[in-house]
Amino acid sequence: MRDGRMSSLRRAVRVPGHFGEWMQGRLGREGPVALVTLCCPALGVRGPGGPVRLADLFPETQLAGFAAALGIAGDWPGLACDMPLGAGAGASTACLVAAARACGFDGTAGRLARACLAVEGATDPLMYPAPDRLLWASREARIMADLPTVPRAEILGGYWGAPQRTDPADEDFPDIADLAAAWRGGGDLALLSDLASEAARRADALRGPGDPMADLARDLGALGHTRAYTGAARTLVFAPGTVPERAEAALREAGLTGILRFVTGDGA
């Protein structure tokens, strides 16, 4: 191309979202904010084609810089997005990744992550093929460590409270250095669920808002519970095939909305 850009090629793409995090917090009292995302193959962003436009989500000047950083024309396609903004399901990052790939970007995940960070200020690792195998510094678009595979799990979740968009300047997170170190050592689903539940408890104590997930986990026999740390997503973690029949109704009765059930981990 004369201007050094890729053509505005359209190709069909789907970028899976996530549903909160297994854990998120500071790596030490003054350390970076880091997370382990909870992959959600049931939700995603598809393109081209759909009602969502990047220009409705981000300023045009930021999108122009995004296109320039990736060497693409920036003739953004419409997108179909399964999740609401501010829910803690990765909608904004997934929309940027899907739009870039639909426009022909085929560069490295690291380059795409840095371009997303410039737009969002804090980005999820959804551009990587196995995002839950990364300890990810979301405000730096940097891999802190490679992690073991998450054991296969059945997740029951929903949204608690109002949407909450991520504030990139917000660093009021609990210290999870010990939990992250334990996670790096691997373990069975019961152990990792305990770590995730402890991370959620620390965040609840520091950040709020309170939610019914710990009580639901106990009453329904879940291995643990997780949350979005800047969003409304909440989950219960079960070993595959052990979700009680009454579980969905229990979440609705407790006030959660958008109930969904999916399998994650171990190649799901």
C-alpha atoms as a PDB file:
ATOM      1  CA  MET A   1       0.000   0.000   0.000  1.00  0.00           C
ATOM      2  CA  ARG A   2       1.288   3.516  -0.793  1.00  0.00           C
ATOM      3  CA  ASP A   3       0.760   4.801   2.746  1.00  0.00           C
ATOM      4  CA  GLY A   4       2.478   1.787   4.314  1.00  0.00           C
ATOM      5  CA  ARG A   5      -0.726   0.459   5.849  1.00  0.00           C
ATOM      6  CA  MET A   6      -2.493  -2.832   5.424  1.00  0.00           C
ATOM      7  CA  SER A   7      -5.597  -2.809   3.303  1.00  0.00           C
ATOM      8  CA  SER A   8      -8.958  -2.637   5.069  1.00  0.00           C
ATOM      9  CA  LEU A   9      -9.328  -6.360   4.539  1.00  0.00           C
ATOM     10  CA  ARG A  10     -12.321  -7.918   6.249  1.00  0.00           C
ATOM     11  CA  ARG A  11     -12.063 -11.365   7.743  1.00  0.00           C
ATOM     12  CA  ALA A  12     -14.357 -13.154  10.154  1.00  0.00           C
ATOM     13  CA  VAL A  13     -13.058 -13.268  13.726  1.00  0.00           C
ATOM     14  CA  ARG A  14     -14.283 -14.132  17.198  1.00  0.00           C
ATOM     15  CA  VAL A  15     -12.495 -13.060  20.369  1.00  0.00           C
ATOM     16  CA  PRO A  16     -13.623 -14.854  23.549  1.00  0.00           C
ATOM     17  CA  GLY A  17     -14.136 -12.767  26.645  1.00  0.00           C
ATOM     18  CA  HIS A  18     -13.491 -13.490  30.295  1.00  0.00           C
ATOM     19  CA  PHE A  19     -15.731 -13.418  33.359  1.00  0.00           C
ATOM     20  CA  GLY A  20     -13.942 -11.582  36.083  1.00  0.00           C
ATOM     21  CA  GLU A  21     -10.612 -12.810  37.374  1.00  0.00           C
ATOM     22  CA  TRP A  22      -9.341 -15.746  39.346  1.00  0.00           C
ATOM     23  CA  MET A  23      -7.458 -13.085  41.272  1.00  0.00           C
ATOM     24  CA  GLN A  24      -6.317  -9.477  40.958  1.00  0.00           C
ATOM     25  CA  GLY A  25      -4.248  -7.244  43.207  1.00  0.00           C
ATOM     26  CA  ARG A  26      -0.890  -5.664  43.928  1.00  0.00           C
ATOM     27  CA  LEU A  27       2.249  -7.780  43.813  1.00  0.00           C
ATOM     28  CA  GLY A  28       3.564  -6.380  47.051  1.00  0.00           C
ATOM     29  CA  ARG A  29       2.374  -3.228  48.769  1.00  0.00           C
ATOM     30  CA  GLU A  30       3.984  -0.985  46.129  1.00  0.00           C
ATOM     31  CA  GLY A  31       4.029  -3.512  43.306  1.00  0.00           C
ATOM     32  CA  PRO A  32       2.127  -3.452  40.026  1.00  0.00           C
ATOM     33  CA  VAL A  33      -1.529  -4.423  39.697  1.00  0.00           C
ATOM     34  CA  ALA A  34      -1.599  -7.930  38.260  1.00  0.00           C
ATOM     35  CA  LEU A  35      -4.285 -10.482  37.518  1.00  0.00           C
ATOM     36  CA  VAL A  36      -5.104 -14.000  36.385  1.00  0.00           C
ATOM     37  CA  THR A  37      -8.076 -13.808  34.048  1.00  0.00           C
ATOM     38  CA  LEU A  38     -10.946 -16.296  34.115  1.00  0.00           C
ATOM     39  CA  CYS A  39     -11.510 -17.307  30.487  1.00  0.00           C
ATOM     40  CA  CYS A  40     -15.122 -17.461  29.328  1.00  0.00           C
ATOM     41  CA  PRO A  41     -15.535 -19.146  25.926  1.00  0.00           C
ATOM     42  CA  ALA A  42     -19.315 -18.684  26.190  1.00  0.00           C
ATOM     43  CA  LEU A  43     -19.002 -14.912  25.678  1.00  0.00           C
ATOM     44  CA  GLY A  44     -17.191 -13.069  22.932  1.00  0.00           C
ATOM     45  CA  VAL A  45     -17.029 -10.418  20.256  1.00  0.00           C
ATOM     46  CA  ARG A  46     -17.570 -11.287  16.583  1.00  0.00           C
ATOM     47  CA  GLY A  47     -16.839  -9.277  13.502  1.00  0.00           C
ATOM     48  CA  PRO A  48     -17.344  -7.986  10.970  1.00  0.00           C
ATOM     49  CA  GLY A  49     -21.066  -7.375  11.297  1.00  0.00           C
ATOM     50  CA  GLY A  50     -23.029  -6.138  14.288  1.00  0.00           C
ATOM     51  CA  PRO A  51     -24.355  -2.993  15.933  1.00  0.00           C
ATOM     52  CA  VAL A  52     -21.313  -2.082  18.065  1.00  0.00           C
ATOM     53  CA  ARG A  53     -18.953   0.564  16.675  1.00  0.00           C
ATOM     54  CA  LEU A  54     -15.558   1.376  18.155  1.00  0.00           C
ATOM     55  CA  ALA A  55     -16.324   5.076  17.687  1.00  0.00           C
ATOM     56  CA  ASP A  56     -19.172   4.662  20.197  1.00  0.00           C
ATOM     57  CA  LEU A  57     -16.726   3.276  22.772  1.00  0.00           C
ATOM     58  CA  PHE A  58     -13.554   5.320  22.318  1.00  0.00           C
ATOM     59  CA  PRO A  59     -12.586   8.800  21.095  1.00  0.00           C
ATOM     60  CA  GLU A  60     -11.671   9.078  17.416  1.00  0.00           C
ATOM     61  CA  THR A  61      -8.211  10.416  18.258  1.00  0.00           C
ATOM     62  CA  GLN A  62      -7.425   7.300  20.294  1.00  0.00           C
ATOM     63  CA  LEU A  63      -8.710   5.038  17.534  1.00  0.00           C
ATOM     64  CA  ALA A  64      -6.545   6.839  14.986  1.00  0.00           C
ATOM     65  CA  GLY A  65      -3.515   6.175  17.171  1.00  0.00           C
ATOM     66  CA  PHE A  66      -4.598   2.535  17.587  1.00  0.00           C
ATOM     67  CA  ALA A  67      -4.774   2.059  13.816  1.00  0.00           C
ATOM     68  CA  ALA A  68      -1.425   3.779  13.283  1.00  0.00           C
ATOM     69  CA  ALA A  69       0.286   1.661  15.950  1.00  0.00           C
ATOM     70  CA  LEU A  70      -0.918  -1.508  14.240  1.00  0.00           C
ATOM     71  CA  GLY A  71      -0.400  -0.374  10.650  1.00  0.00           C
ATOM     72  CA  ILE A  72      -4.015  -0.875   9.640  1.00  0.00           C
ATOM     73  CA  ALA A  73      -6.405   1.387   7.782  1.00  0.00           C
ATOM     74  CA  GLY A  74      -8.822   1.862  10.670  1.00  0.00           C
ATOM     75  CA  ASP A  75     -11.951   1.370   8.591  1.00  0.00           C
ATOM     76  CA  TRP A  76     -13.547  -0.286  11.596  1.00  0.00           C
ATOM     77  CA  PRO A  77     -16.228  -2.948  11.090  1.00  0.00           C
ATOM     78  CA  GLY A  78     -19.400  -3.287  13.097  1.00  0.00           C
ATOM     79  CA  LEU A  79     -19.130  -5.853  15.879  1.00  0.00           C
ATOM     80  CA  ALA A  80     -21.479  -8.200  17.723  1.00  0.00           C
ATOM     81  CA  CYS A  81     -20.690  -8.213  21.459  1.00  0.00           C
ATOM     82  CA  ASP A  82     -22.212 -10.718  23.893  1.00  0.00           C
ATOM     83  CA  MET A  83     -21.389  -8.836  27.076  1.00  0.00           C
ATOM     84  CA  PRO A  84     -22.223  -5.417  28.477  1.00  0.00           C
ATOM     85  CA  LEU A  85     -19.569  -2.782  29.059  1.00  0.00           C
ATOM     86  CA  GLY A  86     -18.412  -2.463  32.640  1.00  0.00           C
ATOM     87  CA  ALA A  87     -19.459  -5.990  33.534  1.00  0.00           C
ATOM     88  CA  GLY A  88     -15.940  -7.289  34.041  1.00  0.00           C
ATOM     89  CA  ALA A  89     -16.203  -9.568  31.008  1.00  0.00           C
ATOM     90  CA  GLY A  90     -13.579  -7.915  28.814  1.00  0.00           C
ATOM     91  CA  ALA A  91     -15.904  -6.228  26.343  1.00  0.00           C
ATOM     92  CA  SER A  92     -13.718  -3.206  25.578  1.00  0.00           C
ATOM     93  CA  THR A  93     -10.509  -5.176  25.054  1.00  0.00           C
ATOM     94  CA  ALA A  94     -12.294  -7.876  23.050  1.00  0.00           C
ATOM     95  CA  CYS A  95     -13.858  -5.224  20.797  1.00  0.00           C
ATOM     96  CA  LEU A  96     -10.453  -3.663  20.070  1.00  0.00           C
ATOM     97  CA  VAL A  97      -8.827  -7.031  19.387  1.00  0.00           C
ATOM     98  CA  ALA A  98     -11.680  -8.222  17.180  1.00  0.00           C
ATOM     99  CA  ALA A  99     -11.735  -4.981  15.170  1.00  0.00           C
ATOM    100  CA  ALA A 100      -7.975  -5.049  14.614  1.00  0.00           C
ATOM    101  CA  ARG A 101      -7.953  -8.654  13.472  1.00  0.00           C
ATOM    102  CA  ALA A 102     -11.019  -8.189  11.284  1.00  0.00           C
ATOM    103  CA  CYS A 103      -9.099  -5.350   9.585  1.00  0.00           C
ATOM    104  CA  GLY A 104      -6.211  -7.682   8.804  1.00  0.00           C
ATOM    105  CA  PHE A 105      -3.805  -7.224  11.706  1.00  0.00           C
ATOM    106  CA  ASP A 106      -1.745 -10.385  12.105  1.00  0.00           C
ATOM    107  CA  GLY A 107       1.174  -9.121  14.194  1.00  0.00           C
ATOM    108  CA  THR A 108       2.230 -10.273  17.642  1.00  0.00           C
ATOM    109  CA  ALA A 109      -0.032 -10.375  20.660  1.00  0.00           C
ATOM    110  CA  GLY A 110       2.423  -8.131  22.497  1.00  0.00           C
ATOM    111  CA  ARG A 111       2.166  -5.397  19.883  1.00  0.00           C
ATOM    112  CA  LEU A 112      -1.619  -5.603  19.959  1.00  0.00           C
ATOM    113  CA  ALA A 113      -1.619  -5.493  23.763  1.00  0.00           C
ATOM    114  CA  ARG A 114       0.469  -2.306  23.812  1.00  0.00           C
ATOM    115  CA  ALA A 115      -1.850  -0.688  21.277  1.00  0.00           C
ATOM    116  CA  CYS A 116      -4.899  -1.641  23.360  1.00  0.00           C
ATOM    117  CA  LEU A 117      -3.247  -0.247  26.474  1.00  0.00           C
ATOM    118  CA  ALA A 118      -2.730   3.112  24.769  1.00  0.00           C
ATOM    119  CA  VAL A 119      -6.495   3.291  24.172  1.00  0.00           C
ATOM    120  CA  GLU A 120      -7.816   1.792  27.415  1.00  0.00           C
ATOM    121  CA  GLY A 121      -5.174   2.569  30.011  1.00  0.00           C
ATOM    122  CA  ALA A 122      -5.682  -0.933  31.441  1.00  0.00           C
ATOM    123  CA  THR A 123      -6.175  -3.958  29.222  1.00  0.00           C
ATOM    124  CA  ASP A 124      -7.056  -7.609  29.537  1.00  0.00           C
ATOM    125  CA  PRO A 125      -4.791 -10.287  27.966  1.00  0.00           C
ATOM    126  CA  LEU A 126      -7.490 -11.475  25.541  1.00  0.00           C
ATOM    127  CA  MET A 127      -5.162 -11.095  22.545  1.00  0.00           C
ATOM    128  CA  TYR A 128      -3.129 -14.076  23.781  1.00  0.00           C
ATOM    129  CA  PRO A 129      -4.114 -17.670  22.898  1.00  0.00           C
ATOM    130  CA  ALA A 130      -4.220 -18.846  26.546  1.00  0.00           C
ATOM    131  CA  PRO A 131      -4.793 -15.704  28.638  1.00  0.00           C
ATOM    132  CA  ASP A 132      -5.436 -17.613  31.874  1.00  0.00           C
ATOM    133  CA  ARG A 133      -1.878 -18.965  31.742  1.00  0.00           C
ATOM    134  CA  LEU A 134      -0.440 -15.482  32.274  1.00  0.00           C
ATOM    135  CA  LEU A 135       0.152 -13.440  35.391  1.00  0.00           C
ATOM    136  CA  TRP A 136      -0.674 -10.173  33.673  1.00  0.00           C
ATOM    137  CA  ALA A 137       0.143  -6.576  34.614  1.00  0.00           C
ATOM    138  CA  SER A 138      -2.962  -4.979  33.160  1.00  0.00           C
ATOM    139  CA  ARG A 139      -1.805  -1.369  33.471  1.00  0.00           C
ATOM    140  CA  GLU A 140       1.504  -2.141  31.771  1.00  0.00           C
ATOM    141  CA  ALA A 141       0.374  -4.726  29.169  1.00  0.00           C
ATOM    142  CA  ARG A 142       3.164  -6.925  30.450  1.00  0.00           C
ATOM    143  CA  ILE A 143       3.475 -10.636  31.195  1.00  0.00           C
ATOM    144  CA  MET A 144       4.798 -11.022  34.738  1.00  0.00           C
ATOM    145  CA  ALA A 145       4.994 -14.822  34.645  1.00  0.00           C
ATOM    146  CA  ASP A 146       3.830 -17.866  32.726  1.00  0.00           C
ATOM    147  CA  LEU A 147       1.429 -20.020  34.734  1.00  0.00           C
ATOM    148  CA  PRO A 148       0.391 -23.669  34.788  1.00  0.00           C
ATOM    149  CA  THR A 149      -2.779 -24.729  33.003  1.00  0.00           C
ATOM    150  CA  VAL A 150      -5.921 -24.115  35.018  1.00  0.00           C
ATOM    151  CA  PRO A 151      -7.680 -27.427  35.760  1.00  0.00           C
ATOM    152  CA  ARG A 152     -10.981 -27.938  33.991  1.00  0.00           C
ATOM    153  CA  ALA A 153     -13.786 -26.259  35.949  1.00  0.00           C
ATOM    154  CA  GLU A 154     -17.497 -25.646  35.599  1.00  0.00           C
ATOM    155  CA  ILE A 155     -18.415 -22.036  36.289  1.00  0.00           C
ATOM    156  CA  LEU A 156     -21.797 -20.664  37.272  1.00  0.00           C
ATOM    157  CA  GLY A 157     -21.951 -16.902  37.248  1.00  0.00           C
ATOM    158  CA  GLY A 158     -23.929 -13.738  36.853  1.00  0.00           C
ATOM    159  CA  TYR A 159     -23.804  -9.984  37.362  1.00  0.00           C
ATOM    160  CA  TRP A 160     -24.048  -8.367  40.774  1.00  0.00           C
ATOM    161  CA  GLY A 161     -24.742  -4.667  40.990  1.00  0.00           C
ATOM    162  CA  ALA A 162     -24.280  -1.900  38.473  1.00  0.00           C
ATOM    163  CA  PRO A 163     -21.681  -1.869  35.683  1.00  0.00           C
ATOM    164  CA  GLN A 164     -18.345  -0.331  36.627  1.00  0.00           C
ATOM    165  CA  ARG A 165     -15.865   0.733  33.968  1.00  0.00           C
ATOM    166  CA  THR A 166     -12.196   0.235  34.836  1.00  0.00           C
ATOM    167  CA  ASP A 167     -10.373   3.344  36.020  1.00  0.00           C
ATOM    168  CA  PRO A 168      -6.729   2.947  34.901  1.00  0.00           C
ATOM    169  CA  ALA A 169      -5.604   5.255  37.716  1.00  0.00           C
ATOM    170  CA  ASP A 170      -7.222   3.032  40.360  1.00  0.00           C
ATOM    171  CA  GLU A 171      -4.530   1.105  42.215  1.00  0.00           C
ATOM    172  CA  ASP A 172      -6.469   0.519  45.429  1.00  0.00           C
ATOM    173  CA  PHE A 173      -6.124  -3.247  45.367  1.00  0.00           C
ATOM    174  CA  PRO A 174      -5.130  -5.729  48.077  1.00  0.00           C
ATOM    175  CA  ASP A 175      -1.688  -7.301  48.169  1.00  0.00           C
ATOM    176  CA  ILE A 176      -1.907 -10.757  46.575  1.00  0.00           C
ATOM    177  CA  ALA A 177       1.812 -11.497  46.209  1.00  0.00           C
ATOM    178  CA  ASP A 178       1.492 -14.602  48.383  1.00  0.00           C
ATOM    179  CA  LEU A 179      -1.550 -15.867  46.485  1.00  0.00           C
ATOM    180  CA  ALA A 180       0.066 -15.272  43.094  1.00  0.00           C
ATOM    181  CA  ALA A 181       3.192 -17.131  44.208  1.00  0.00           C
ATOM    182  CA  ALA A 182       1.086 -20.084  45.319  1.00  0.00           C
ATOM    183  CA  TRP A 183      -0.846 -20.024  42.025  1.00  0.00           C
ATOM    184  CA  ARG A 184       2.438 -20.167  40.076  1.00  0.00           C
ATOM    185  CA  GLY A 185       3.172 -23.451  41.846  1.00  0.00           C
ATOM    186  CA  GLY A 186       0.061 -25.043  40.336  1.00  0.00           C
ATOM    187  CA  GLY A 187      -2.313 -27.416  42.034  1.00  0.00           C
ATOM    188  CA  ASP A 188      -5.695 -29.051  41.774  1.00  0.00           C
ATOM    189  CA  LEU A 189      -8.935 -27.170  41.292  1.00  0.00           C
ATOM    190  CA  ALA A 190      -9.762 -27.207  45.003  1.00  0.00           C
ATOM    191  CA  LEU A 191      -6.479 -25.496  45.880  1.00  0.00           C
ATOM    192  CA  LEU A 192      -6.773 -22.856  43.156  1.00  0.00           C
ATOM    193  CA  SER A 193     -10.383 -22.205  44.116  1.00  0.00           C
ATOM    194  CA  ASP A 194      -9.272 -21.571  47.707  1.00  0.00           C
ATOM    195  CA  LEU A 195      -6.689 -19.064  46.448  1.00  0.00           C
ATOM    196  CA  ALA A 196      -9.283 -17.341  44.256  1.00  0.00           C
ATOM    197  CA  SER A 197     -11.761 -17.161  47.136  1.00  0.00           C
ATOM    198  CA  GLU A 198      -9.165 -15.596  49.411  1.00  0.00           C
ATOM    199  CA  ALA A 199      -8.308 -13.011  46.740  1.00  0.00           C
ATOM    200  CA  ALA A 200     -12.017 -12.170  46.446  1.00  0.00           C
ATOM    201  CA  ARG A 201     -12.358 -11.859  50.228  1.00  0.00           C
ATOM    202  CA  ARG A 202      -9.434  -9.428  50.376  1.00  0.00           C
ATOM    203  CA  ALA A 203     -10.912  -7.336  47.591  1.00  0.00           C
ATOM    204  CA  ASP A 204     -14.351  -7.350  49.207  1.00  0.00           C
ATOM    205  CA  ALA A 205     -12.844  -6.120  52.477  1.00  0.00           C
ATOM    206  CA  LEU A 206     -10.906  -3.314  50.781  1.00  0.00           C
ATOM    207  CA  ARG A 207     -13.068  -2.327  47.822  1.00  0.00           C
ATOM    208  CA  GLY A 208     -16.558  -3.679  48.290  1.00  0.00           C
ATOM    209  CA  PRO A 209     -19.329  -3.942  47.394  1.00  0.00           C
ATOM    210  CA  GLY A 210     -20.398  -6.865  49.504  1.00  0.00           C
ATOM    211  CA  ASP A 211     -22.002  -9.733  47.600  1.00  0.00           C
ATOM    212  CA  PRO A 212     -23.637 -13.075  48.427  1.00  0.00           C
ATOM    213  CA  MET A 213     -21.037 -15.270  46.711  1.00  0.00           C
ATOM    214  CA  ALA A 214     -19.302 -16.701  49.780  1.00  0.00           C
ATOM    215  CA  ASP A 215     -22.651 -17.739  51.271  1.00  0.00           C
ATOM    216  CA  LEU A 216     -23.812 -19.185  47.940  1.00  0.00           C
ATOM    217  CA  ALA A 217     -20.574 -21.141  47.591  1.00  0.00           C
ATOM    218  CA  ARG A 218     -21.088 -22.679  51.019  1.00  0.00           C
ATOM    219  CA  ASP A 219     -24.782 -23.439  50.508  1.00  0.00           C
ATOM    220  CA  LEU A 220     -24.325 -24.947  47.031  1.00  0.00           C
ATOM    221  CA  GLY A 221     -21.142 -26.888  47.745  1.00  0.00           C
ATOM    222  CA  ALA A 222     -18.947 -24.909  45.348  1.00  0.00           C
ATOM    223  CA  LEU A 223     -15.180 -25.204  45.577  1.00  0.00           C
ATOM    224  CA  GLY A 224     -14.858 -21.433  45.671  1.00  0.00           C
ATOM    225  CA  HIS A 225     -15.986 -18.111  44.276  1.00  0.00           C
ATOM    226  CA  THR A 226     -14.504 -15.341  42.148  1.00  0.00           C
ATOM    227  CA  ARG A 227     -15.301 -11.781  41.175  1.00  0.00           C
ATOM    228  CA  ALA A 228     -14.545  -9.077  38.689  1.00  0.00           C
ATOM    229  CA  TYR A 229     -12.399  -6.575  40.527  1.00  0.00           C
ATOM    230  CA  THR A 230     -13.663  -3.622  38.481  1.00  0.00           C
ATOM    231  CA  GLY A 231     -16.984  -4.928  37.219  1.00  0.00           C
ATOM    232  CA  ALA A 232     -20.176  -6.766  38.072  1.00  0.00           C
ATOM    233  CA  ALA A 233     -19.249 -10.379  37.160  1.00  0.00           C
ATOM    234  CA  ARG A 234     -19.366 -12.919  39.988  1.00  0.00           C
ATOM    235  CA  THR A 235     -18.919 -16.690  39.829  1.00  0.00           C
ATOM    236  CA  LEU A 236     -19.036 -19.956  41.714  1.00  0.00           C
ATOM    237  CA  VAL A 237     -16.441 -22.615  40.859  1.00  0.00           C
ATOM    238  CA  PHE A 238     -17.402 -26.289  40.656  1.00  0.00           C
ATOM    239  CA  ALA A 239     -15.710 -29.486  39.622  1.00  0.00           C
ATOM    240  CA  PRO A 240     -17.203 -30.516  36.253  1.00  0.00           C
ATOM    241  CA  GLY A 241     -20.587 -32.184  36.597  1.00  0.00           C
ATOM    242  CA  THR A 242     -21.187 -31.167  40.222  1.00  0.00           C
ATOM    243  CA  VAL A 243     -23.368 -28.066  39.845  1.00  0.00           C
ATOM    244  CA  PRO A 244     -26.609 -28.667  41.801  1.00  0.00           C
ATOM    245  CA  GLU A 245     -29.866 -28.472  39.851  1.00  0.00           C
ATOM    246  CA  ARG A 246     -31.108 -25.618  42.043  1.00  0.00           C
ATOM    247  CA  ALA A 247     -27.964 -23.515  41.614  1.00  0.00           C
ATOM    248  CA  GLU A 248     -29.182 -21.168  38.861  1.00  0.00           C
ATOM    249  CA  ALA A 249     -32.373 -20.457  40.791  1.00  0.00           C
ATOM    250  CA  ALA A 250     -30.352 -19.779  43.935  1.00  0.00           C
ATOM    251  CA  LEU A 251     -28.259 -17.137  42.138  1.00  0.00           C
ATOM    252  CA  ARG A 252     -31.375 -15.454  40.756  1.00  0.00           C
ATOM    253  CA  GLU A 253     -33.005 -15.456  44.190  1.00  0.00           C
ATOM    254  CA  ALA A 254     -29.855 -13.863  45.622  1.00  0.00           C
ATOM    255  CA  GLY A 255     -30.180 -10.990  43.147  1.00  0.00           C
ATOM    256  CA  LEU A 256     -27.727 -11.865  40.376  1.00  0.00           C
ATOM    257  CA  THR A 257     -28.729 -11.236  36.764  1.00  0.00           C
ATOM    258  CA  GLY A 258     -27.535 -12.572  33.416  1.00  0.00           C
ATOM    259  CA  ILE A 259     -26.962 -16.056  34.825  1.00  0.00           C
ATOM    260  CA  LEU A 260     -24.700 -18.235  32.671  1.00  0.00           C
ATOM    261  CA  ARG A 261     -22.871 -21.509  32.961  1.00  0.00           C
ATOM    262  CA  PHE A 262     -19.707 -22.515  31.132  1.00  0.00           C
ATOM    263  CA  VAL A 263     -16.596 -24.679  31.267  1.00  0.00           C
ATOM    264  CA  THR A 264     -13.157 -23.150  31.520  1.00  0.00           C
ATOM    265  CA  GLY A 265      -9.573 -24.301  31.964  1.00  0.00           C
ATOM    266  CA  ASP A 266      -7.613 -27.247  30.589  1.00  0.00           C
ATOM    267  CA  GLY A 267      -8.145 -26.342  26.938  1.00  0.00           C
ATOM    268  CA  ALA A 268     -11.843 -25.425  27.219  1.00  0.00           C
END
